Every structure is written in C-alpha cells, then in structure tokens.
C-alpha cells in the first residue's frame, strides 16, 4: 500500500463539525459563489478549470468527512454526515457539468446576475 493510499484510509483527528460545517459547507459555498460571480467574466477554458478545481475540492471534502465521521459522540451523526456529503458531491459534479455547458452557450443567453 502506497503512502497516499495509507493516508486516504487513516482515520482523521479533526472534529466532524469543523470538517463538515466549516470546510465542507461554508467554504464550498464561498468557492461556488466566486465561481458564479466569474461566470460572465472568464473564458470557457478558465471557467472549466475553476469548476474542475471545485470538483476536486469536493472530492477532498468527501474523503475528509468520511475519515472524520467517527469523531462524534453519537455514531448516527457520522453516518448522516457521510450520506449528506455523498449527496452533495453528486450534486456538485452534476451542477458543475451543467454550469459548464451553460457557460459554453453564455454568449447567446448570458446568466442574469441579481446585483
């Protein structure tokens, strides 16, 4: 087993609430908000790289939540966090893909910004 595989399979030592709420929910929403703000301002290749980085970050968060899910008082909270993070990851990949396709067509129909 390589060092990377060993690192992926070791249990984390961070409290689940920190990984889930701060790194997972808060930071992911900030990153996705920044990506949306850049929608009409960047080229498709740069936008694709931004979305790819967001999906990579989501994959890292999935692994982090999974590894730290046992760092709670009640095991049911760890299982709920795992389920929600898997659902969020699937959603993030799908939304990123559709947003990229929309960006390719943005010259015809630009995304309306609320501000």
Protein backbone atom coordinates (compact mmCIF):
# COMPACT_ATOMS: atom_id res chain seq x y z
CA UNK A 1 0.00 0.00 0.00
CA UNK A 2 1.41 3.39 -1.00
CA UNK A 3 1.74 6.30 1.39
CA UNK A 4 -1.08 8.11 -0.41
CA UNK A 5 -3.42 5.12 -0.08
CA UNK A 6 -2.46 4.77 3.56
CA UNK A 7 -3.20 8.45 4.16
CA UNK A 8 -6.59 8.12 2.41
CA UNK A 9 -7.54 5.19 4.63
CA UNK A 10 -6.45 6.51 8.03
CA UNK A 11 -8.97 7.94 10.44
CA UNK A 12 -8.87 11.70 10.83
CA UNK A 13 -8.35 13.56 14.09
CA UNK A 14 -10.42 16.68 13.40
CA UNK A 15 -13.85 17.18 14.94
CA UNK A 16 -16.56 16.29 12.44
CA UNK A 17 -18.40 19.58 12.89
CA UNK A 18 -15.30 21.52 11.83
CA UNK A 19 -14.75 19.41 8.72
CA UNK A 20 -18.43 19.25 7.77
CA UNK A 21 -19.68 22.76 8.56
CA UNK A 22 -16.60 24.97 8.14
CA UNK A 23 -14.57 23.24 5.42
CA UNK A 24 -17.44 21.44 3.73
CA UNK A 25 -20.50 23.67 3.83
CA UNK A 26 -19.16 27.20 4.38
CA UNK A 27 -16.04 27.10 2.24
CA UNK A 28 -17.70 25.13 -0.57
CA UNK A 29 -20.49 27.71 -0.79
CA UNK A 30 -18.00 30.58 -0.84
CA UNK A 31 -15.99 28.89 -3.60
CA UNK A 32 -19.10 28.16 -5.66
CA UNK A 33 -20.31 31.74 -5.18
CA UNK A 34 -16.99 33.04 -6.52
CA UNK A 35 -17.31 30.72 -9.50
CA UNK A 36 -20.80 32.04 -10.20
CA UNK A 37 -19.57 35.62 -9.99
CA UNK A 38 -16.93 34.79 -12.61
CA UNK A 39 -19.49 33.22 -14.96
CA UNK A 40 -19.73 36.13 -17.42
CA UNK A 41 -16.17 37.37 -16.90
CA UNK A 42 -13.86 34.49 -17.87
CA UNK A 43 -13.15 32.32 -20.89
CA UNK A 44 -14.65 28.83 -21.13
CA UNK A 45 -11.27 27.17 -20.55
CA UNK A 46 -10.62 29.14 -17.35
CA UNK A 47 -14.19 28.55 -16.21
CA UNK A 48 -13.76 24.83 -16.84
CA UNK A 49 -10.57 24.83 -14.75
CA UNK A 50 -12.37 26.63 -11.94
CA UNK A 51 -15.16 24.05 -11.98
CA UNK A 52 -12.63 21.22 -12.12
CA UNK A 53 -10.86 22.67 -9.07
CA UNK A 54 -14.22 22.89 -7.29
CA UNK A 55 -14.99 19.25 -8.07
CA UNK A 56 -11.51 18.25 -6.86
CA UNK A 57 -12.09 20.19 -3.63
CA UNK A 58 -15.44 18.42 -3.25
CA UNK A 59 -13.71 15.06 -3.62
CA UNK A 60 -11.19 16.04 -0.94
CA UNK A 61 -14.03 17.10 1.34
CA UNK A 62 -15.82 13.80 0.74
CA UNK A 63 -12.71 11.98 1.86
CA UNK A 64 -12.18 14.28 4.85
CA UNK A 65 -15.76 13.89 6.09
CA UNK A 66 -15.60 10.14 5.59
CA UNK A 67 -12.36 9.85 7.56
CA UNK A 68 -13.56 12.10 10.40
CA UNK A 69 -17.14 10.79 10.64
CA UNK A 70 -16.30 8.75 13.73
CA UNK A 71 -15.18 11.84 15.68
CA UNK A 72 -18.62 12.45 17.20
CA UNK A 73 -20.41 11.45 20.38
CA UNK A 74 -23.24 9.65 18.60
CA UNK A 75 -22.32 7.45 15.60
CA UNK A 76 -25.57 8.30 13.85
CA UNK A 77 -24.32 11.86 13.22
CA UNK A 78 -21.27 10.49 11.43
CA UNK A 79 -23.45 8.35 9.19
CA UNK A 80 -25.73 11.30 8.43
CA UNK A 81 -22.71 13.46 7.58
CA UNK A 82 -21.39 10.75 5.24
CA UNK A 83 -24.75 10.44 3.48
CA UNK A 84 -25.15 14.20 3.09
CA UNK A 85 -21.60 14.62 1.81
CA UNK A 86 -22.03 11.90 -0.81
CA UNK A 87 -25.29 13.55 -1.93
CA UNK A 88 -23.57 16.96 -2.01
CA UNK A 89 -20.69 15.52 -4.06
CA UNK A 90 -23.01 14.02 -6.67
CA UNK A 91 -24.92 17.31 -6.82
CA UNK A 92 -21.71 19.35 -7.13
CA UNK A 93 -20.47 17.25 -10.05
CA UNK A 94 -23.80 17.44 -11.88
CA UNK A 95 -24.28 21.18 -11.30
CA UNK A 96 -20.69 21.88 -12.36
CA UNK A 97 -21.17 19.94 -15.57
CA UNK A 98 -24.42 21.68 -16.45
CA UNK A 99 -22.99 25.07 -15.49
CA UNK A 100 -20.03 24.48 -17.80
CA UNK A 101 -22.37 23.58 -20.64
CA UNK A 102 -24.35 26.73 -19.90
CA UNK A 103 -21.15 28.78 -19.96
CA UNK A 104 -20.35 27.46 -23.42
CA UNK A 105 -23.68 28.89 -24.57
CA UNK A 106 -23.42 32.08 -22.48
CA UNK A 107 -22.73 34.35 -25.43
CA UNK A 108 -26.27 33.78 -26.68
CA UNK A 109 -28.02 33.74 -23.30
CA UNK A 110 -25.93 35.33 -20.51
CA UNK A 111 -26.65 34.30 -16.92
CA UNK A 112 -28.65 37.11 -15.24
CA UNK A 113 -26.97 38.32 -12.08
CA UNK A 114 -29.21 39.55 -9.22
CA UNK A 115 -26.92 42.50 -8.45
